[in-house]
Amino acid sequence: MAPPDMADKFRRQAEVLFHGEPAGRLQELPDGFRFTYHSAWVLGTRPPVSASLPVRETAYTSDRLFPFFQGLLSEGELRRIQMRSARLDDSDSFGLLLATCREDTAGAVTIRSIVEGNA
């Protein structure tokens, strides 16, 4: 992962909601991804968004999209159709997450894009 000063320079970011409540933030960094729970989520007795991402104060980082978030995405022909429809590159899983996981996901987690300046 990038040094701390570079890690703060995100490309795109999203609010991660659990049953409609803001639970954390997912950010695309120059060299990977970061997921951070909101402090209110950590201080409360709220469940994790995924068993693979237990609630904690420190951020999770990965050089690729976390498997939990990758699992929210379609596969096969439906994925190809969604990628074409959203005009995304085939490798842009984060873009597909932002485009397709705003509502009606298979579980309790939805994703809402955060536009820079509205963070």
Protein backbone atom coordinates (compact mmCIF):
# COMPACT_ATOMS: atom_id res chain seq x y z
CA MET A 1 0.00 0.00 0.00
CA ALA A 2 1.01 3.64 -0.45
CA PRO A 3 2.69 5.64 2.29
CA PRO A 4 0.20 7.43 4.60
CA ASP A 5 0.44 10.78 2.75
CA MET A 6 -0.45 9.08 -0.57
CA ALA A 7 -3.17 6.93 1.01
CA ASP A 8 -5.24 10.05 1.67
CA LYS A 9 -5.48 10.78 -2.06
CA PHE A 10 -8.50 8.74 -3.11
CA ARG A 11 -9.90 8.42 -6.59
CA ARG A 12 -13.54 7.51 -5.92
CA GLN A 13 -15.36 6.82 -2.71
CA ALA A 14 -18.64 5.42 -1.51
CA GLU A 15 -20.81 5.39 1.57
CA VAL A 16 -21.48 1.82 2.73
CA LEU A 17 -24.96 1.48 4.19
CA PHE A 18 -26.24 -1.36 6.35
CA HIS A 19 -30.06 -1.56 6.32
CA GLY A 20 -29.98 2.03 5.06
CA GLU A 21 -27.77 3.35 7.87
CA PRO A 22 -24.30 4.73 7.07
CA ALA A 23 -21.82 2.18 8.41
CA GLY A 24 -18.57 3.14 6.74
CA ARG A 25 -16.70 4.47 3.77
CA LEU A 26 -15.07 2.57 0.91
CA GLN A 27 -12.35 4.43 -0.97
CA GLU A 28 -10.43 3.68 -4.12
CA LEU A 29 -6.78 4.66 -3.68
CA PRO A 30 -4.05 4.90 -6.32
CA ASP A 31 -2.81 1.44 -5.36
CA GLY A 32 -5.82 -0.31 -3.85
CA PHE A 33 -8.80 0.17 -1.56
CA ARG A 34 -9.57 1.25 1.99
CA PHE A 35 -12.68 0.51 4.06
CA THR A 36 -13.25 2.38 7.30
CA TYR A 37 -16.16 2.06 9.70
CA HIS A 38 -17.69 5.35 10.87
CA SER A 39 -16.83 6.14 14.48
CA ALA A 40 -20.52 6.03 15.50
CA TRP A 41 -20.70 2.49 14.12
CA VAL A 42 -17.61 1.44 16.06
CA LEU A 43 -18.81 3.01 19.32
CA GLY A 44 -22.26 1.45 19.06
CA THR A 45 -23.20 -2.20 19.23
CA ARG A 46 -23.78 -2.51 15.52
CA PRO A 47 -22.94 -5.65 13.54
CA PRO A 48 -20.18 -5.79 10.94
CA VAL A 49 -21.16 -5.31 7.30
CA SER A 50 -19.44 -8.65 6.69
CA ALA A 51 -17.91 -11.40 8.81
CA SER A 52 -14.71 -10.80 6.86
CA LEU A 53 -14.68 -7.14 7.98
CA PRO A 54 -15.23 -7.14 11.76
CA VAL A 55 -16.04 -3.77 13.30
CA ARG A 56 -12.86 -1.96 14.36
CA GLU A 57 -11.48 1.56 14.56
CA THR A 58 -8.58 1.09 12.15
CA ALA A 59 -9.08 1.03 8.40
CA TYR A 60 -8.88 -2.10 6.28
CA THR A 61 -6.67 -1.85 3.20
CA SER A 62 -6.26 -4.13 0.22
CA ASP A 63 -4.54 -4.00 -3.15
CA ARG A 64 -7.80 -5.16 -4.79
CA LEU A 65 -11.49 -4.73 -4.10
CA PHE A 66 -12.38 -6.57 -0.89
CA PRO A 67 -13.95 -9.99 -1.59
CA PHE A 68 -17.11 -9.03 0.32
CA PHE A 69 -17.78 -6.06 -1.97
CA GLN A 70 -16.75 -8.07 -5.04
CA GLY A 71 -19.38 -10.62 -3.98
CA LEU A 72 -22.13 -8.01 -4.30
CA LEU A 73 -21.51 -7.84 -8.04
CA SER A 74 -23.12 -9.84 -10.82
CA GLU A 75 -21.16 -12.39 -12.78
CA GLY A 76 -21.13 -13.75 -16.31
CA GLU A 77 -23.38 -12.35 -19.00
CA LEU A 78 -25.32 -10.07 -16.62
CA ARG A 79 -22.04 -8.48 -15.52
CA ARG A 80 -21.02 -7.92 -19.15
CA ILE A 81 -24.39 -6.30 -19.89
CA GLN A 82 -24.14 -4.07 -16.81
CA MET A 83 -20.57 -3.05 -17.68
CA ARG A 84 -21.59 -2.13 -21.23
CA SER A 85 -24.69 -0.29 -20.03
CA ALA A 86 -22.67 1.73 -17.52
CA ARG A 87 -19.90 2.28 -20.10
CA LEU A 88 -17.27 0.80 -17.82
CA ASP A 89 -14.03 -0.97 -18.58
CA ASP A 90 -14.27 -4.73 -17.94
CA SER A 91 -11.84 -4.47 -15.04
CA ASP A 92 -13.65 -1.61 -13.24
CA SER A 93 -15.32 -3.56 -10.44
CA PHE A 94 -15.47 -0.48 -8.20
CA GLY A 95 -17.30 1.43 -10.93
CA LEU A 96 -19.76 -1.44 -11.29
CA LEU A 97 -20.27 -1.47 -7.51
CA LEU A 98 -21.12 2.24 -7.61
CA ALA A 99 -23.43 1.78 -10.61
CA THR A 100 -25.39 -1.29 -9.50
CA CYS A 101 -25.41 -1.61 -5.70
CA ARG A 102 -27.38 1.49 -4.75
CA GLU A 103 -30.53 -0.48 -3.96
CA ASP A 104 -32.05 -3.94 -4.20
CA THR A 105 -28.90 -5.88 -3.34
CA ALA A 106 -29.10 -9.49 -2.20
CA GLY A 107 -28.27 -8.55 1.40
CA ALA A 108 -28.40 -5.71 3.90
CA VAL A 109 -25.57 -3.68 2.34
CA THR A 110 -26.02 -0.99 -0.28
CA ILE A 111 -23.48 1.41 -1.75
CA ARG A 112 -23.91 5.12 -2.43
CA SER A 113 -21.35 7.06 -4.41
CA ILE A 114 -19.82 10.09 -2.71
CA VAL A 115 -18.97 12.90 -5.08
CA GLU A 116 -15.87 14.87 -4.12
CA GLY A 117 -16.93 17.96 -2.25
CA ASN A 118 -20.00 16.21 -0.80
CA ALA A 119 -18.00 14.01 1.57
